[in-house]
Amino acid sequence: MILWGNKRFQEALDETDECLRKAPQLCAAEVYRTLALVANSRGQDSAKQYLSRGAGPPIPPQNLEFASRFLADLKSAGWRPSVATERAAG
């Protein structure tokens, strides 16, 4: 999240890839990997894979600026938030 939040997208991608090699079921790493890919204009396929697995809704960061970017990036990748997730971000 810190690397993504600081717009260090390639580093975020590298770190999340490493994390997922060690813990393939870690949902947060998958979300931030998708966000890093979206920022690099390569996230559509990754987002579709994530969403097709039926993973629970991603939880936005508590920082309001990051939460706004987080939801915007996920939406641009094809994810549609539920009402409960939008309330949690607001």
PDB file of N, CA and C in Angstrom:
ATOM      1  N   MET A   1       0.824  -1.186   0.000  1.00  0.00           N
ATOM      2  CA  MET A   1       0.000   0.000   0.000  1.00  0.00           C
ATOM      3  C   MET A   1       0.870   1.252   0.000  1.00  0.00           C
ATOM      4  N   ILE A   2       1.939   1.252   0.737  1.00  0.00           N
ATOM      5  CA  ILE A   2       2.798   2.429   0.817  1.00  0.00           C
ATOM      6  C   ILE A   2       3.426   2.743  -0.536  1.00  0.00           C
ATOM      7  N   LEU A   3       3.925   1.728  -1.223  1.00  0.00           N
ATOM      8  CA  LEU A   3       4.530   1.955  -2.536  1.00  0.00           C
ATOM      9  C   LEU A   3       3.480   2.444  -3.530  1.00  0.00           C
ATOM     10  N   TRP A   4       2.326   1.811  -3.550  1.00  0.00           N
ATOM     11  CA  TRP A   4       1.247   2.258  -4.429  1.00  0.00           C
ATOM     12  C   TRP A   4       0.838   3.684  -4.090  1.00  0.00           C
ATOM     13  N   GLY A   5       0.684   3.975  -2.789  1.00  0.00           N
ATOM     14  CA  GLY A   5       0.280   5.307  -2.348  1.00  0.00           C
ATOM     15  C   GLY A   5       1.256   6.395  -2.748  1.00  0.00           C
ATOM     16  N   ASN A   6       2.519   6.030  -2.860  1.00  0.00           N
ATOM     17  CA  ASN A   6       3.548   6.988  -3.272  1.00  0.00           C
ATOM     18  C   ASN A   6       3.813   6.942  -4.777  1.00  0.00           C
ATOM     19  N   LYS A   7       2.916   6.293  -5.503  1.00  0.00           N
ATOM     20  CA  LYS A   7       2.972   6.197  -6.966  1.00  0.00           C
ATOM     21  C   LYS A   7       4.259   5.547  -7.466  1.00  0.00           C
ATOM     22  N   ARG A   8       4.768   4.616  -6.674  1.00  0.00           N
ATOM     23  CA  ARG A   8       5.939   3.820  -7.060  1.00  0.00           C
ATOM     24  C   ARG A   8       5.407   2.467  -7.537  1.00  0.00           C
ATOM     25  N   PHE A   9       4.726   2.515  -8.685  1.00  0.00           N
ATOM     26  CA  PHE A   9       3.927   1.388  -9.143  1.00  0.00           C
ATOM     27  C   PHE A   9       4.746   0.160  -9.510  1.00  0.00           C
ATOM     28  N   GLN A  10       5.870   0.340 -10.155  1.00  0.00           N
ATOM     29  CA  GLN A  10       6.679  -0.835 -10.513  1.00  0.00           C
ATOM     30  C   GLN A  10       7.211  -1.520  -9.262  1.00  0.00           C
ATOM     31  N   GLU A  11       7.644  -0.729  -8.280  1.00  0.00           N
ATOM     32  CA  GLU A  11       8.116  -1.316  -7.022  1.00  0.00           C
ATOM     33  C   GLU A  11       6.968  -2.012  -6.290  1.00  0.00           C
ATOM     34  N   ALA A  12       5.786  -1.412  -6.331  1.00  0.00           N
ATOM     35  CA  ALA A  12       4.620  -2.043  -5.707  1.00  0.00           C
ATOM     36  C   ALA A  12       4.312  -3.372  -6.384  1.00  0.00           C
ATOM     37  N   LEU A  13       4.409  -3.397  -7.700  1.00  0.00           N
ATOM     38  CA  LEU A  13       4.173  -4.631  -8.439  1.00  0.00           C
ATOM     39  C   LEU A  13       5.206  -5.693  -8.074  1.00  0.00           C
ATOM     40  N   ASP A  14       6.463  -5.303  -8.017  1.00  0.00           N
ATOM     41  CA  ASP A  14       7.521  -6.254  -7.654  1.00  0.00           C
ATOM     42  C   ASP A  14       7.300  -6.824  -6.255  1.00  0.00           C
ATOM     43  N   GLU A  15       6.962  -5.958  -5.307  1.00  0.00           N
ATOM     44  CA  GLU A  15       6.764  -6.403  -3.922  1.00  0.00           C
ATOM     45  C   GLU A  15       5.534  -7.302  -3.786  1.00  0.00           C
ATOM     46  N   THR A  16       4.439  -6.944  -4.470  1.00  0.00           N
ATOM     47  CA  THR A  16       3.245  -7.781  -4.352  1.00  0.00           C
ATOM     48  C   THR A  16       3.447  -9.125  -5.032  1.00  0.00           C
ATOM     49  N   ASP A  17       4.193  -9.139  -6.144  1.00  0.00           N
ATOM     50  CA  ASP A  17       4.510 -10.421  -6.782  1.00  0.00           C
ATOM     51  C   ASP A  17       5.286 -11.322  -5.829  1.00  0.00           C
ATOM     52  N   GLU A  18       6.273 -10.746  -5.153  1.00  0.00           N
ATOM     53  CA  GLU A  18       7.070 -11.508  -4.186  1.00  0.00           C
ATOM     54  C   GLU A  18       6.190 -11.989  -3.029  1.00  0.00           C
ATOM     55  N   CYS A  19       5.333 -11.126  -2.547  1.00  0.00           N
ATOM     56  CA  CYS A  19       4.434 -11.483  -1.451  1.00  0.00           C
ATOM     57  C   CYS A  19       3.512 -12.635  -1.864  1.00  0.00           C
ATOM     58  N   LEU A  20       2.970 -12.550  -3.067  1.00  0.00           N
ATOM     59  CA  LEU A  20       2.058 -13.596  -3.529  1.00  0.00           C
ATOM     60  C   LEU A  20       2.765 -14.910  -3.806  1.00  0.00           C
ATOM     61  N   ARG A  21       4.061 -14.869  -4.092  1.00  0.00           N
ATOM     62  CA  ARG A  21       4.819 -16.122  -4.218  1.00  0.00           C
ATOM     63  C   ARG A  21       4.893 -16.830  -2.864  1.00  0.00           C
ATOM     64  N   LYS A  22       5.005 -16.025  -1.808  1.00  0.00           N
ATOM     65  CA  LYS A  22       5.121 -16.589  -0.460  1.00  0.00           C
ATOM     66  C   LYS A  22       3.761 -16.901   0.164  1.00  0.00           C
ATOM     67  N   ALA A  23       2.761 -16.086  -0.148  1.00  0.00           N
ATOM     68  CA  ALA A  23       1.424 -16.251   0.434  1.00  0.00           C
ATOM     69  C   ALA A  23       0.374 -16.040  -0.657  1.00  0.00           C
ATOM     70  N   PRO A  24       0.152 -17.043  -1.507  1.00  0.00           N
ATOM     71  CA  PRO A  24      -0.723 -16.880  -2.674  1.00  0.00           C
ATOM     72  C   PRO A  24      -2.168 -16.500  -2.360  1.00  0.00           C
ATOM     73  N   GLN A  25      -2.629 -16.709  -1.154  1.00  0.00           N
ATOM     74  CA  GLN A  25      -4.022 -16.419  -0.802  1.00  0.00           C
ATOM     75  C   GLN A  25      -4.210 -15.043  -0.166  1.00  0.00           C
ATOM     76  N   LEU A  26      -3.155 -14.251  -0.080  1.00  0.00           N
ATOM     77  CA  LEU A  26      -3.238 -12.952   0.590  1.00  0.00           C
ATOM     78  C   LEU A  26      -3.973 -11.951  -0.290  1.00  0.00           C
ATOM     79  N   CYS A  27      -5.216 -11.714   0.041  1.00  0.00           N
ATOM     80  CA  CYS A  27      -6.112 -10.879  -0.763  1.00  0.00           C
ATOM     81  C   CYS A  27      -5.582  -9.444  -0.913  1.00  0.00           C
ATOM     82  N   ALA A  28      -5.067  -8.860   0.136  1.00  0.00           N
ATOM     83  CA  ALA A  28      -4.586  -7.473   0.059  1.00  0.00           C
ATOM     84  C   ALA A  28      -3.458  -7.335  -0.953  1.00  0.00           C
ATOM     85  N   ALA A  29      -2.571  -8.309  -1.005  1.00  0.00           N
ATOM     86  CA  ALA A  29      -1.478  -8.257  -1.980  1.00  0.00           C
ATOM     87  C   ALA A  29      -2.028  -8.326  -3.394  1.00  0.00           C
ATOM     88  N   GLU A  30      -3.031  -9.145  -3.595  1.00  0.00           N
ATOM     89  CA  GLU A  30      -3.652  -9.262  -4.915  1.00  0.00           C
ATOM     90  C   GLU A  30      -4.310  -7.941  -5.333  1.00  0.00           C
ATOM     91  N   VAL A  31      -4.969  -7.288  -4.397  1.00  0.00           N
ATOM     92  CA  VAL A  31      -5.610  -6.001  -4.695  1.00  0.00           C
ATOM     93  C   VAL A  31      -4.563  -4.962  -5.084  1.00  0.00           C
ATOM     94  N   TYR A  32      -3.497  -4.845  -4.305  1.00  0.00           N
ATOM     95  CA  TYR A  32      -2.485  -3.832  -4.615  1.00  0.00           C
ATOM     96  C   TYR A  32      -1.685  -4.201  -5.860  1.00  0.00           C
ATOM     97  N   ARG A  33      -1.565  -5.476  -6.154  1.00  0.00           N
ATOM     98  CA  ARG A  33      -0.950  -5.889  -7.423  1.00  0.00           C
ATOM     99  C   ARG A  33      -1.817  -5.407  -8.576  1.00  0.00           C
ATOM    100  N   THR A  34      -3.121  -5.600  -8.446  1.00  0.00           N
ATOM    101  CA  THR A  34      -4.053  -5.139  -9.472  1.00  0.00           C
ATOM    102  C   THR A  34      -3.979  -3.626  -9.636  1.00  0.00           C
ATOM    103  N   LEU A  35      -3.935  -2.900  -8.527  1.00  0.00           N
ATOM    104  CA  LEU A  35      -3.844  -1.440  -8.596  1.00  0.00           C
ATOM    105  C   LEU A  35      -2.553  -0.990  -9.270  1.00  0.00           C
ATOM    106  N   ALA A  36      -1.454  -1.657  -8.968  1.00  0.00           N
ATOM    107  CA  ALA A  36      -0.176  -1.309  -9.611  1.00  0.00           C
ATOM    108  C   ALA A  36      -0.250  -1.572 -11.104  1.00  0.00           C
ATOM    109  N   LEU A  37      -0.888  -2.671 -11.488  1.00  0.00           N
ATOM    110  CA  LEU A  37      -1.055  -2.972 -12.907  1.00  0.00           C
ATOM    111  C   LEU A  37      -1.959  -1.954 -13.587  1.00  0.00           C
ATOM    112  N   VAL A  38      -3.033  -1.554 -12.901  1.00  0.00           N
ATOM    113  CA  VAL A  38      -3.935  -0.542 -13.452  1.00  0.00           C
ATOM    114  C   VAL A  38      -3.162   0.756 -13.696  1.00  0.00           C
ATOM    115  N   ALA A  39      -2.342   1.134 -12.740  1.00  0.00           N
ATOM    116  CA  ALA A  39      -1.556   2.363 -12.878  1.00  0.00           C
ATOM    117  C   ALA A  39      -0.590   2.271 -14.053  1.00  0.00           C
ATOM    118  N   ASN A  40      -0.151   1.070 -14.361  1.00  0.00           N
ATOM    119  CA  ASN A  40       0.750   0.857 -15.500  1.00  0.00           C
ATOM    120  C   ASN A  40      -0.025   0.475 -16.756  1.00  0.00           C
ATOM    121  N   SER A  41      -1.349   0.687 -16.748  1.00  0.00           N
ATOM    122  CA  SER A  41      -2.233   0.390 -17.884  1.00  0.00           C
ATOM    123  C   SER A  41      -2.205  -1.074 -18.299  1.00  0.00           C
ATOM    124  N   ARG A  42      -1.999  -1.969 -17.341  1.00  0.00           N
ATOM    125  CA  ARG A  42      -1.992  -3.397 -17.644  1.00  0.00           C
ATOM    126  C   ARG A  42      -2.919  -4.165 -16.713  1.00  0.00           C
ATOM    127  N   GLY A  43      -3.862  -3.485 -16.082  1.00  0.00           N
ATOM    128  CA  GLY A  43      -4.626  -4.112 -15.020  1.00  0.00           C
ATOM    129  C   GLY A  43      -5.918  -4.778 -15.382  1.00  0.00           C
ATOM    130  N   GLN A  44      -6.431  -4.612 -16.600  1.00  0.00           N
ATOM    131  CA  GLN A  44      -7.737  -5.175 -16.925  1.00  0.00           C
ATOM    132  C   GLN A  44      -7.788  -6.683 -16.726  1.00  0.00           C
ATOM    133  N   ASP A  45      -6.833  -7.407 -17.263  1.00  0.00           N
ATOM    134  CA  ASP A  45      -6.850  -8.872 -17.130  1.00  0.00           C
ATOM    135  C   ASP A  45      -6.664  -9.303 -15.685  1.00  0.00           C
ATOM    136  N   SER A  46      -5.765  -8.645 -14.967  1.00  0.00           N
ATOM    137  CA  SER A  46      -5.539  -8.982 -13.559  1.00  0.00           C
ATOM    138  C   SER A  46      -6.797  -8.725 -12.740  1.00  0.00           C
ATOM    139  N   ALA A  47      -7.459  -7.607 -13.000  1.00  0.00           N
ATOM    140  CA  ALA A  47      -8.680  -7.287 -12.263  1.00  0.00           C
ATOM    141  C   ALA A  47      -9.765  -8.317 -12.562  1.00  0.00           C
ATOM    142  N   LYS A  48      -9.895  -8.718 -13.816  1.00  0.00           N
ATOM    143  CA  LYS A  48     -10.898  -9.724 -14.181  1.00  0.00           C
ATOM    144  C   LYS A  48     -10.616 -11.047 -13.485  1.00  0.00           C
ATOM    145  N   GLN A  49      -9.338 -11.433 -13.394  1.00  0.00           N
ATOM    146  CA  GLN A  49      -8.980 -12.673 -12.708  1.00  0.00           C
ATOM    147  C   GLN A  49      -9.323 -12.580 -11.227  1.00  0.00           C
ATOM    148  N   TYR A  50      -8.978 -11.463 -10.602  1.00  0.00           N
ATOM    149  CA  TYR A  50      -9.255 -11.260  -9.185  1.00  0.00           C
ATOM    150  C   TYR A  50     -10.760 -11.337  -8.925  1.00  0.00           C
ATOM    151  N   LEU A  51     -11.528 -10.621  -9.750  1.00  0.00           N
ATOM    152  CA  LEU A  51     -12.973 -10.567  -9.556  1.00  0.00           C
ATOM    153  C   LEU A  51     -13.635 -11.905  -9.833  1.00  0.00           C
ATOM    154  N   SER A  52     -13.113 -12.662 -10.791  1.00  0.00           N
ATOM    155  CA  SER A  52     -13.716 -13.944 -11.145  1.00  0.00           C
ATOM    156  C   SER A  52     -13.547 -14.991 -10.042  1.00  0.00           C
ATOM    157  N   ARG A  53     -12.586 -14.800  -9.158  1.00  0.00           N
ATOM    158  CA  ARG A  53     -12.373 -15.751  -8.062  1.00  0.00           C
ATOM    159  C   ARG A  53     -13.388 -15.577  -6.946  1.00  0.00           C
ATOM    160  N   GLY A  54     -14.185 -14.519  -7.017  1.00  0.00           N
ATOM    161  CA  GLY A  54     -15.202 -14.306  -5.998  1.00  0.00           C
ATOM    162  C   GLY A  54     -14.616 -13.884  -4.666  1.00  0.00           C
ATOM    163  N   ALA A  55     -13.444 -13.270  -4.705  1.00  0.00           N
ATOM    164  CA  ALA A  55     -12.830 -12.782  -3.467  1.00  0.00           C
ATOM    165  C   ALA A  55     -13.736 -11.716  -2.856  1.00  0.00           C
ATOM    166  N   GLY A  56     -13.669 -11.580  -1.562  1.00  0.00           N
ATOM    167  CA  GLY A  56     -14.460 -10.567  -0.886  1.00  0.00           C
ATOM    168  C   GLY A  56     -14.094  -9.174  -1.361  1.00  0.00           C
ATOM    169  N   PRO A  57     -14.931  -8.204  -1.056  1.00  0.00           N
ATOM    170  CA  PRO A  57     -14.642  -6.852  -1.525  1.00  0.00           C
ATOM    171  C   PRO A  57     -13.351  -6.318  -0.897  1.00  0.00           C
ATOM    172  N   PRO A  58     -12.539  -5.641  -1.695  1.00  0.00           N
ATOM    173  CA  PRO A  58     -11.313  -5.070  -1.142  1.00  0.00           C
ATOM    174  C   PRO A  58     -11.644  -3.955  -0.161  1.00  0.00           C
ATOM    175  N   ILE A  59     -10.843  -3.831   0.857  1.00  0.00           N
ATOM    176  CA  ILE A  59     -11.060  -2.815   1.879  1.00  0.00           C
ATOM    177  C   ILE A  59     -10.155  -1.628   1.573  1.00  0.00           C
ATOM    178  N   PRO A  60     -10.748  -0.453   1.367  1.00  0.00           N
ATOM    179  CA  PRO A  60      -9.930   0.711   1.033  1.00  0.00           C
ATOM    180  C   PRO A  60      -9.088   1.172   2.218  1.00  0.00           C
ATOM    181  N   PRO A  61      -7.981   1.853   1.940  1.00  0.00           N
ATOM    182  CA  PRO A  61      -7.157   2.408   3.016  1.00  0.00           C
ATOM    183  C   PRO A  61      -7.957   3.427   3.831  1.00  0.00           C
ATOM    184  N   GLN A  62      -7.528   3.695   5.044  1.00  0.00           N
ATOM    185  CA  GLN A  62      -8.224   4.660   5.896  1.00  0.00           C
ATOM    186  C   GLN A  62      -7.974   6.101   5.460  1.00  0.00           C
ATOM    187  N   ASN A  63      -6.817   6.373   4.913  1.00  0.00           N
ATOM    188  CA  ASN A  63      -6.503   7.713   4.422  1.00  0.00           C
ATOM    189  C   ASN A  63      -7.495   8.062   3.311  1.00  0.00           C
ATOM    190  N   LEU A  64      -8.189   9.197   3.432  1.00  0.00           N
ATOM    191  CA  LEU A  64      -9.246   9.537   2.486  1.00  0.00           C
ATOM    192  C   LEU A  64      -8.736   9.729   1.057  1.00  0.00           C
ATOM    193  N   GLU A  65      -7.584  10.344   0.899  1.00  0.00           N
ATOM    194  CA  GLU A  65      -7.033  10.521  -0.444  1.00  0.00           C
ATOM    195  C   GLU A  65      -6.718   9.165  -1.068  1.00  0.00           C
ATOM    196  N   PHE A  66      -6.067   8.286  -0.302  1.00  0.00           N
ATOM    197  CA  PHE A  66      -5.745   6.957  -0.801  1.00  0.00           C
ATOM    198  C   PHE A  66      -7.013   6.153  -1.079  1.00  0.00           C
ATOM    199  N   ALA A  67      -8.014   6.278  -0.194  1.00  0.00           N
ATOM    200  CA  ALA A  67      -9.264   5.544  -0.388  1.00  0.00           C
ATOM    201  C   ALA A  67      -9.937   5.969  -1.689  1.00  0.00           C
ATOM    202  N   SER A  68      -9.925   7.248  -1.962  1.00  0.00           N
ATOM    203  CA  SER A  68     -10.523   7.759  -3.192  1.00  0.00           C
ATOM    204  C   SER A  68      -9.790   7.231  -4.420  1.00  0.00           C
ATOM    205  N   ARG A  69      -8.461   7.288  -4.401  1.00  0.00           N
ATOM    206  CA  ARG A  69      -7.657   6.753  -5.512  1.00  0.00           C
ATOM    207  C   ARG A  69      -7.840   5.249  -5.652  1.00  0.00           C
ATOM    208  N   PHE A  70      -7.867   4.567  -4.520  1.00  0.00           N
ATOM    209  CA  PHE A  70      -8.030   3.112  -4.477  1.00  0.00           C
ATOM    210  C   PHE A  70      -9.313   2.703  -5.193  1.00  0.00           C
ATOM    211  N   LEU A  71     -10.435   3.331  -4.822  1.00  0.00           N
ATOM    212  CA  LEU A  71     -11.714   2.986  -5.424  1.00  0.00           C
ATOM    213  C   LEU A  71     -11.764   3.395  -6.894  1.00  0.00           C
ATOM    214  N   ALA A  72     -11.193   4.536  -7.236  1.00  0.00           N
ATOM    215  CA  ALA A  72     -11.178   4.976  -8.638  1.00  0.00           C
ATOM    216  C   ALA A  72     -10.370   4.013  -9.499  1.00  0.00           C
ATOM    217  N   ASP A  73      -9.224   3.575  -9.001  1.00  0.00           N
ATOM    218  CA  ASP A  73      -8.394   2.638  -9.765  1.00  0.00           C
ATOM    219  C   ASP A  73      -9.090   1.292  -9.940  1.00  0.00           C
ATOM    220  N   LEU A  74      -9.718   0.802  -8.867  1.00  0.00           N
ATOM    221  CA  LEU A  74     -10.428  -0.469  -8.985  1.00  0.00           C
ATOM    222  C   LEU A  74     -11.606  -0.361  -9.957  1.00  0.00           C
ATOM    223  N   LYS A  75     -12.324   0.755  -9.895  1.00  0.00           N
ATOM    224  CA  LYS A  75     -13.440   0.953 -10.832  1.00  0.00           C
ATOM    225  C   LYS A  75     -12.931   0.989 -12.269  1.00  0.00           C
ATOM    226  N   SER A  76     -11.802   1.641 -12.499  1.00  0.00           N
ATOM    227  CA  SER A  76     -11.271   1.710 -13.860  1.00  0.00           C
ATOM    228  C   SER A  76     -10.819   0.331 -14.348  1.00  0.00           C
ATOM    229  N   ALA A  77     -10.559  -0.569 -13.413  1.00  0.00           N
ATOM    230  CA  ALA A  77     -10.178  -1.938 -13.779  1.00  0.00           C
ATOM    231  C   ALA A  77     -11.391  -2.840 -13.965  1.00  0.00           C
ATOM    232  N   GLY A  78     -12.603  -2.299 -13.741  1.00  0.00           N
ATOM    233  CA  GLY A  78     -13.806  -3.086 -13.964  1.00  0.00           C
ATOM    234  C   GLY A  78     -14.528  -3.547 -12.719  1.00  0.00           C
ATOM    235  N   TRP A  79     -14.030  -3.198 -11.542  1.00  0.00           N
ATOM    236  CA  TRP A  79     -14.675  -3.605 -10.289  1.00  0.00           C
ATOM    237  C   TRP A  79     -15.793  -2.623  -9.963  1.00  0.00           C
ATOM    238  N   ARG A  80     -16.911  -3.129  -9.504  1.00  0.00           N
ATOM    239  CA  ARG A  80     -18.029  -2.286  -9.098  1.00  0.00           C
ATOM    240  C   ARG A  80     -18.280  -2.507  -7.617  1.00  0.00           C
ATOM    241  N   PRO A  81     -18.140  -1.444  -6.826  1.00  0.00           N
ATOM    242  CA  PRO A  81     -18.279  -1.599  -5.371  1.00  0.00           C
ATOM    243  C   PRO A  81     -19.722  -1.822  -4.943  1.00  0.00           C
ATOM    244  N   SER A  82     -19.858  -2.468  -3.800  1.00  0.00           N
ATOM    245  CA  SER A  82     -21.176  -2.611  -3.196  1.00  0.00           C
ATOM    246  C   SER A  82     -21.448  -1.357  -2.378  1.00  0.00           C
ATOM    247  N   VAL A  83     -22.661  -1.183  -1.966  1.00  0.00           N
ATOM    248  CA  VAL A  83     -23.023  -0.014  -1.148  1.00  0.00           C
ATOM    249  C   VAL A  83     -22.224  -0.030   0.151  1.00  0.00           C
ATOM    250  N   ALA A  84     -22.059  -1.189   0.773  1.00  0.00           N
ATOM    251  CA  ALA A  84     -21.352  -1.284   2.049  1.00  0.00           C
ATOM    252  C   ALA A  84     -19.908  -0.855   1.899  1.00  0.00           C
ATOM    253  N   THR A  85     -19.250  -1.218   0.798  1.00  0.00           N
ATOM    254  CA  THR A  85     -17.851  -0.835   0.606  1.00  0.00           C
ATOM    255  C   THR A  85     -17.727   0.649   0.397  1.00  0.00           C
ATOM    256  N   GLU A  86     -18.660   1.249  -0.338  1.00  0.00           N
ATOM    257  CA  GLU A  86     -18.596   2.693  -0.556  1.00  0.00           C
ATOM    258  C   GLU A  86     -18.773   3.429   0.757  1.00  0.00           C
ATOM    259  N   ARG A  87     -19.661   2.956   1.626  1.00  0.00           N
ATOM    260  CA  ARG A  87     -19.855   3.596   2.921  1.00  0.00           C
ATOM    261  C   ARG A  87     -18.595   3.488   3.771  1.00  0.00           C
ATOM    262  N   ALA A  88     -17.910   2.358   3.699  1.00  0.00           N
ATOM    263  CA  ALA A  88     -16.701   2.172   4.502  1.00  0.00           C
ATOM    264  C   ALA A  88     -15.618   3.138   4.076  1.00  0.00           C
ATOM    265  N   ALA A  89     -15.578   3.525   2.791  1.00  0.00           N
ATOM    266  CA  ALA A  89     -14.552   4.436   2.290  1.00  0.00           C
ATOM    267  C   ALA A  89     -14.896   5.880   2.631  1.00  0.00           C
ATOM    268  N   GLY A  90     -16.149   6.188   2.875  1.00  0.00           N
ATOM    269  CA  GLY A  90     -16.563   7.586   3.073  1.00  0.00           C
ATOM    270  C   GLY A  90     -16.423   7.990   4.445  1.00  0.00           C
TER     271      GLY A  90
END
